N, C-alpha and C. Protein backbone atom coordinates (compact mmCIF):
# COMPACT_ATOMS: atom_id res chain seq x y z
N MET A 1 2.50 30.76 -22.22
CA MET A 1 2.00 29.43 -22.52
C MET A 1 0.48 29.48 -22.47
N SER A 2 -0.17 28.79 -23.38
CA SER A 2 -1.63 28.78 -23.44
C SER A 2 -2.21 27.96 -22.29
N LYS A 3 -3.53 28.13 -22.06
CA LYS A 3 -4.20 27.37 -21.00
C LYS A 3 -4.11 25.87 -21.27
N THR A 4 -4.21 25.49 -22.54
CA THR A 4 -4.11 24.08 -22.90
C THR A 4 -2.73 23.54 -22.58
N GLY A 5 -1.70 24.31 -22.90
CA GLY A 5 -0.33 23.89 -22.61
C GLY A 5 -0.09 23.74 -21.11
N VAL A 6 -0.62 24.66 -20.33
CA VAL A 6 -0.48 24.58 -18.87
C VAL A 6 -1.20 23.35 -18.35
N LEU A 7 -2.40 23.06 -18.87
CA LEU A 7 -3.16 21.90 -18.45
C LEU A 7 -2.42 20.60 -18.79
N ILE A 8 -1.86 20.52 -19.98
CA ILE A 8 -1.12 19.32 -20.39
C ILE A 8 0.12 19.15 -19.51
N ALA A 9 0.83 20.24 -19.24
CA ALA A 9 2.02 20.17 -18.38
C ALA A 9 1.64 19.70 -16.98
N ALA A 10 0.54 20.21 -16.45
CA ALA A 10 0.10 19.80 -15.11
C ALA A 10 -0.28 18.32 -15.09
N MET A 11 -0.94 17.84 -16.13
CA MET A 11 -1.33 16.44 -16.19
C MET A 11 -0.10 15.54 -16.28
N LEU A 12 0.89 15.94 -17.06
CA LEU A 12 2.12 15.16 -17.16
C LEU A 12 2.85 15.10 -15.82
N MET A 13 2.87 16.22 -15.11
CA MET A 13 3.52 16.25 -13.79
C MET A 13 2.81 15.30 -12.83
N MET A 14 1.48 15.25 -12.90
CA MET A 14 0.72 14.34 -12.04
C MET A 14 1.05 12.88 -12.38
N LEU A 15 1.12 12.56 -13.65
CA LEU A 15 1.44 11.19 -14.05
C LEU A 15 2.85 10.79 -13.61
N ILE A 16 3.78 11.70 -13.70
CA ILE A 16 5.15 11.43 -13.24
C ILE A 16 5.17 11.23 -11.74
N ALA A 17 4.43 12.06 -11.00
CA ALA A 17 4.40 11.97 -9.54
C ALA A 17 3.78 10.67 -9.06
N ILE A 18 2.88 10.09 -9.82
CA ILE A 18 2.20 8.86 -9.42
C ILE A 18 2.92 7.63 -9.95
N GLY A 19 4.01 7.81 -10.65
CA GLY A 19 4.75 6.70 -11.24
C GLY A 19 5.29 5.70 -10.24
N PRO A 20 5.94 4.63 -10.69
CA PRO A 20 6.31 3.52 -9.81
C PRO A 20 7.61 3.69 -9.03
N VAL A 21 7.58 3.34 -7.77
CA VAL A 21 8.70 3.07 -6.88
C VAL A 21 8.09 2.22 -5.78
N GLY A 22 8.54 1.00 -5.58
CA GLY A 22 7.80 0.03 -4.78
C GLY A 22 7.92 0.08 -3.28
N VAL A 23 6.89 -0.41 -2.63
CA VAL A 23 6.85 -0.63 -1.19
C VAL A 23 6.26 -2.02 -0.99
N THR A 24 7.09 -2.96 -0.55
CA THR A 24 6.58 -4.30 -0.25
C THR A 24 7.25 -4.79 1.02
N LEU A 25 6.68 -5.81 1.62
CA LEU A 25 7.27 -6.38 2.82
C LEU A 25 8.34 -7.40 2.49
N GLU A 26 8.23 -8.10 1.41
CA GLU A 26 9.14 -9.19 1.10
C GLU A 26 10.00 -8.90 -0.12
N GLY A 27 10.02 -7.68 -0.61
CA GLY A 27 10.87 -7.33 -1.72
C GLY A 27 10.34 -7.69 -3.10
N GLN A 28 9.13 -8.22 -3.18
CA GLN A 28 8.56 -8.54 -4.48
C GLN A 28 7.93 -7.29 -5.07
N ALA A 29 8.05 -7.11 -6.37
CA ALA A 29 7.48 -5.95 -7.02
C ALA A 29 5.96 -6.09 -7.09
N PRO A 30 5.23 -5.14 -6.52
CA PRO A 30 3.77 -5.21 -6.58
C PRO A 30 3.26 -4.80 -7.95
N PRO A 31 2.01 -5.14 -8.28
CA PRO A 31 1.47 -4.77 -9.57
C PRO A 31 1.42 -3.26 -9.79
N SER A 32 1.11 -2.51 -8.75
CA SER A 32 1.06 -1.06 -8.81
C SER A 32 1.84 -0.55 -7.61
N GLU A 33 2.86 0.22 -7.84
CA GLU A 33 3.78 0.57 -6.77
C GLU A 33 3.52 1.94 -6.18
N ILE A 34 3.99 2.13 -4.95
CA ILE A 34 3.80 3.39 -4.24
C ILE A 34 5.06 4.24 -4.38
N LEU A 35 4.86 5.51 -4.59
CA LEU A 35 5.95 6.46 -4.82
C LEU A 35 6.80 6.75 -3.61
N ARG A 36 6.27 6.65 -2.44
CA ARG A 36 6.95 7.16 -1.25
C ARG A 36 7.51 6.07 -0.34
N ARG A 37 8.52 6.47 0.40
CA ARG A 37 9.12 5.58 1.37
C ARG A 37 8.27 5.51 2.63
N VAL A 38 8.23 4.34 3.25
CA VAL A 38 7.48 4.15 4.49
C VAL A 38 8.30 4.70 5.65
N LYS A 39 7.67 5.55 6.47
CA LYS A 39 8.32 6.07 7.67
C LYS A 39 7.99 5.21 8.88
N THR A 40 6.74 4.76 8.99
CA THR A 40 6.30 3.91 10.10
C THR A 40 5.58 2.72 9.51
N ARG A 41 6.08 1.52 9.82
CA ARG A 41 5.52 0.28 9.29
C ARG A 41 5.04 -0.57 10.46
N VAL A 42 3.78 -0.96 10.45
CA VAL A 42 3.20 -1.80 11.49
C VAL A 42 2.98 -3.20 10.91
N GLN A 43 3.53 -4.20 11.59
CA GLN A 43 3.35 -5.58 11.15
C GLN A 43 1.99 -6.09 11.62
N PRO A 44 1.29 -6.85 10.80
CA PRO A 44 -0.02 -7.38 11.20
C PRO A 44 0.13 -8.49 12.25
N ASP A 45 -0.87 -8.59 13.11
CA ASP A 45 -0.94 -9.70 14.05
C ASP A 45 -1.43 -10.93 13.29
N TYR A 46 -0.80 -12.06 13.53
CA TYR A 46 -1.24 -13.30 12.90
C TYR A 46 -2.49 -13.77 13.65
N PRO A 47 -3.65 -13.81 12.98
CA PRO A 47 -4.89 -14.15 13.68
C PRO A 47 -4.84 -15.54 14.32
N GLU A 48 -5.38 -15.64 15.53
CA GLU A 48 -5.38 -16.91 16.26
C GLU A 48 -6.10 -18.01 15.46
N LEU A 49 -7.21 -17.67 14.83
CA LEU A 49 -7.93 -18.65 14.02
C LEU A 49 -7.04 -19.18 12.89
N ALA A 50 -6.30 -18.28 12.23
CA ALA A 50 -5.40 -18.69 11.15
C ALA A 50 -4.29 -19.59 11.69
N ARG A 51 -3.79 -19.27 12.88
CA ARG A 51 -2.74 -20.09 13.50
C ARG A 51 -3.27 -21.50 13.79
N ARG A 52 -4.49 -21.57 14.37
CA ARG A 52 -5.07 -22.88 14.70
C ARG A 52 -5.38 -23.69 13.45
N MET A 53 -5.78 -23.02 12.37
CA MET A 53 -6.13 -23.71 11.12
C MET A 53 -4.91 -23.88 10.21
N ASN A 54 -3.75 -23.37 10.67
CA ASN A 54 -2.51 -23.45 9.89
C ASN A 54 -2.67 -22.78 8.52
N ILE A 55 -3.28 -21.60 8.50
CA ILE A 55 -3.50 -20.85 7.26
C ILE A 55 -2.31 -19.93 7.03
N ALA A 56 -1.76 -19.97 5.85
CA ALA A 56 -0.65 -19.11 5.47
C ALA A 56 -0.96 -18.52 4.09
N GLY A 57 -0.23 -17.49 3.72
CA GLY A 57 -0.40 -16.91 2.39
C GLY A 57 -0.12 -15.43 2.37
N THR A 58 -0.38 -14.84 1.23
CA THR A 58 -0.13 -13.41 1.01
C THR A 58 -1.46 -12.69 0.87
N VAL A 59 -1.55 -11.53 1.53
CA VAL A 59 -2.72 -10.66 1.40
C VAL A 59 -2.25 -9.41 0.68
N LYS A 60 -2.94 -9.04 -0.39
CA LYS A 60 -2.62 -7.83 -1.14
C LYS A 60 -3.62 -6.75 -0.74
N VAL A 61 -3.08 -5.58 -0.35
CA VAL A 61 -3.91 -4.46 0.07
C VAL A 61 -3.59 -3.27 -0.80
N GLU A 62 -4.62 -2.72 -1.44
CA GLU A 62 -4.46 -1.50 -2.22
C GLU A 62 -4.63 -0.32 -1.27
N VAL A 63 -3.65 0.59 -1.27
CA VAL A 63 -3.70 1.74 -0.36
C VAL A 63 -3.67 3.05 -1.14
N VAL A 64 -4.35 4.04 -0.60
CA VAL A 64 -4.28 5.41 -1.11
C VAL A 64 -3.62 6.21 0.00
N VAL A 65 -2.51 6.85 -0.32
CA VAL A 65 -1.74 7.62 0.65
C VAL A 65 -2.00 9.10 0.41
N ALA A 66 -2.46 9.80 1.46
CA ALA A 66 -2.72 11.24 1.37
C ALA A 66 -1.41 12.00 1.23
N ALA A 67 -1.50 13.24 0.83
CA ALA A 67 -0.31 14.08 0.64
C ALA A 67 0.52 14.18 1.92
N ASN A 68 -0.14 14.15 3.08
CA ASN A 68 0.59 14.27 4.36
C ASN A 68 1.26 12.97 4.78
N GLY A 69 1.06 11.87 4.06
CA GLY A 69 1.72 10.61 4.35
C GLY A 69 0.86 9.60 5.09
N SER A 70 -0.33 9.99 5.51
CA SER A 70 -1.21 9.04 6.19
C SER A 70 -1.96 8.20 5.17
N VAL A 71 -2.41 7.02 5.59
CA VAL A 71 -3.18 6.15 4.70
C VAL A 71 -4.62 6.67 4.68
N LYS A 72 -5.04 7.13 3.53
CA LYS A 72 -6.37 7.71 3.36
C LYS A 72 -7.43 6.63 3.17
N ASP A 73 -7.07 5.57 2.44
CA ASP A 73 -8.01 4.50 2.17
C ASP A 73 -7.22 3.22 1.93
N ALA A 74 -7.82 2.09 2.28
CA ALA A 74 -7.19 0.79 2.04
C ALA A 74 -8.27 -0.24 1.82
N LYS A 75 -8.01 -1.15 0.88
CA LYS A 75 -8.95 -2.24 0.65
C LYS A 75 -8.18 -3.48 0.22
N VAL A 76 -8.68 -4.62 0.66
CA VAL A 76 -8.06 -5.90 0.33
C VAL A 76 -8.43 -6.26 -1.10
N ILE A 77 -7.43 -6.63 -1.89
CA ILE A 77 -7.67 -7.01 -3.28
C ILE A 77 -7.29 -8.46 -3.55
N GLY A 78 -6.76 -9.14 -2.52
CA GLY A 78 -6.43 -10.55 -2.70
C GLY A 78 -5.92 -11.16 -1.42
N GLY A 79 -6.15 -12.45 -1.26
CA GLY A 79 -5.65 -13.16 -0.09
C GLY A 79 -6.75 -13.87 0.66
N HIS A 80 -6.35 -14.67 1.63
CA HIS A 80 -7.29 -15.46 2.42
C HIS A 80 -8.12 -14.55 3.32
N PRO A 81 -9.44 -14.73 3.35
CA PRO A 81 -10.31 -13.88 4.16
C PRO A 81 -9.99 -13.87 5.65
N VAL A 82 -9.48 -14.98 6.18
CA VAL A 82 -9.13 -15.03 7.61
C VAL A 82 -7.95 -14.12 7.92
N LEU A 83 -7.08 -13.90 6.94
CA LEU A 83 -5.89 -13.06 7.12
C LEU A 83 -6.12 -11.60 6.73
N ALA A 84 -7.16 -11.36 5.95
CA ALA A 84 -7.37 -10.05 5.33
C ALA A 84 -7.52 -8.90 6.34
N ASN A 85 -8.32 -9.09 7.37
CA ASN A 85 -8.57 -8.01 8.31
C ASN A 85 -7.31 -7.59 9.06
N ALA A 86 -6.46 -8.56 9.42
CA ALA A 86 -5.22 -8.25 10.12
C ALA A 86 -4.31 -7.37 9.24
N ALA A 87 -4.21 -7.71 7.96
CA ALA A 87 -3.40 -6.92 7.03
C ALA A 87 -3.97 -5.52 6.86
N LEU A 88 -5.28 -5.44 6.73
CA LEU A 88 -5.95 -4.15 6.53
C LEU A 88 -5.75 -3.24 7.74
N GLU A 89 -5.93 -3.77 8.94
CA GLU A 89 -5.76 -2.97 10.15
C GLU A 89 -4.31 -2.51 10.32
N ALA A 90 -3.35 -3.34 9.95
CA ALA A 90 -1.94 -2.96 10.08
C ALA A 90 -1.58 -1.83 9.11
N VAL A 91 -1.98 -1.97 7.84
CA VAL A 91 -1.57 -0.96 6.85
C VAL A 91 -2.22 0.40 7.11
N LYS A 92 -3.38 0.42 7.74
CA LYS A 92 -4.02 1.69 8.08
C LYS A 92 -3.20 2.49 9.09
N LYS A 93 -2.29 1.83 9.80
CA LYS A 93 -1.44 2.50 10.79
C LYS A 93 -0.11 2.95 10.20
N TRP A 94 0.17 2.59 8.95
CA TRP A 94 1.42 2.98 8.31
C TRP A 94 1.45 4.49 8.08
N ARG A 95 2.66 5.05 8.03
CA ARG A 95 2.87 6.46 7.68
C ARG A 95 3.98 6.50 6.63
N PHE A 96 3.75 7.33 5.61
CA PHE A 96 4.69 7.50 4.52
C PHE A 96 5.27 8.91 4.55
N GLU A 97 6.33 9.12 3.79
CA GLU A 97 6.88 10.47 3.66
C GLU A 97 5.85 11.36 2.97
N PRO A 98 5.74 12.62 3.39
CA PRO A 98 4.82 13.55 2.73
C PRO A 98 5.23 13.80 1.28
N ALA A 99 4.26 14.20 0.47
CA ALA A 99 4.50 14.54 -0.94
C ALA A 99 3.48 15.58 -1.37
N ALA A 100 3.65 16.12 -2.55
CA ALA A 100 2.76 17.16 -3.05
C ALA A 100 1.37 16.61 -3.38
N LEU A 101 1.31 15.35 -3.82
CA LEU A 101 0.05 14.75 -4.24
C LEU A 101 -0.18 13.43 -3.51
N GLU A 102 -1.43 12.97 -3.50
CA GLU A 102 -1.67 11.64 -2.96
C GLU A 102 -1.23 10.61 -3.99
N SER A 103 -0.95 9.42 -3.51
CA SER A 103 -0.52 8.34 -4.40
C SER A 103 -1.18 7.05 -3.95
N SER A 104 -1.11 6.04 -4.79
CA SER A 104 -1.73 4.76 -4.44
C SER A 104 -0.86 3.62 -4.94
N GLY A 105 -1.13 2.45 -4.41
CA GLY A 105 -0.38 1.27 -4.82
C GLY A 105 -0.81 0.07 -4.01
N VAL A 106 -0.06 -1.02 -4.14
CA VAL A 106 -0.40 -2.28 -3.50
C VAL A 106 0.72 -2.68 -2.55
N VAL A 107 0.34 -3.13 -1.36
CA VAL A 107 1.28 -3.63 -0.36
C VAL A 107 0.96 -5.11 -0.15
N ASP A 108 2.00 -5.95 -0.14
CA ASP A 108 1.84 -7.38 0.09
C ASP A 108 2.22 -7.71 1.53
N PHE A 109 1.35 -8.44 2.22
CA PHE A 109 1.63 -8.94 3.56
C PHE A 109 1.72 -10.46 3.48
N LYS A 110 2.85 -11.03 3.92
CA LYS A 110 3.02 -12.47 3.90
C LYS A 110 2.78 -13.02 5.30
N PHE A 111 1.89 -13.99 5.39
CA PHE A 111 1.58 -14.68 6.63
C PHE A 111 2.05 -16.11 6.51
N GLY A 112 2.67 -16.62 7.57
CA GLY A 112 3.11 -18.00 7.56
C GLY A 112 3.12 -18.57 8.95
N SER A 113 3.53 -19.79 9.08
CA SER A 113 3.53 -20.46 10.37
C SER A 113 4.53 -19.85 11.34
N ARG A 114 5.48 -19.07 10.85
CA ARG A 114 6.47 -18.43 11.72
C ARG A 114 5.93 -17.16 12.36
N ASN A 115 4.80 -16.61 11.91
CA ASN A 115 4.24 -15.37 12.47
C ASN A 115 3.70 -15.59 13.85
């Protein structure tokens, strides 16, 4: 096989490996899904300020998962600012199943008066 053919095959394998299989807290399909199953899931603490102000809603966090299953990077892409830090700190503690490549996707955290 030529170098070009090997390069194309490798790129296709990467695209397949990064393809969709979802990880959400409430079963809703995220805009960009994560390939791997969660091994350790940490629930966010409902911030006291949010509780006092009766703030509820969903925080969307984009995560990059390293090959070893740890969260390499995470950033908030949507949600109330009072709730955002709690979601971000929780998802950084998550662990996923290991894989050959890193992957990324979006995790939704739902906050409500029951938290």
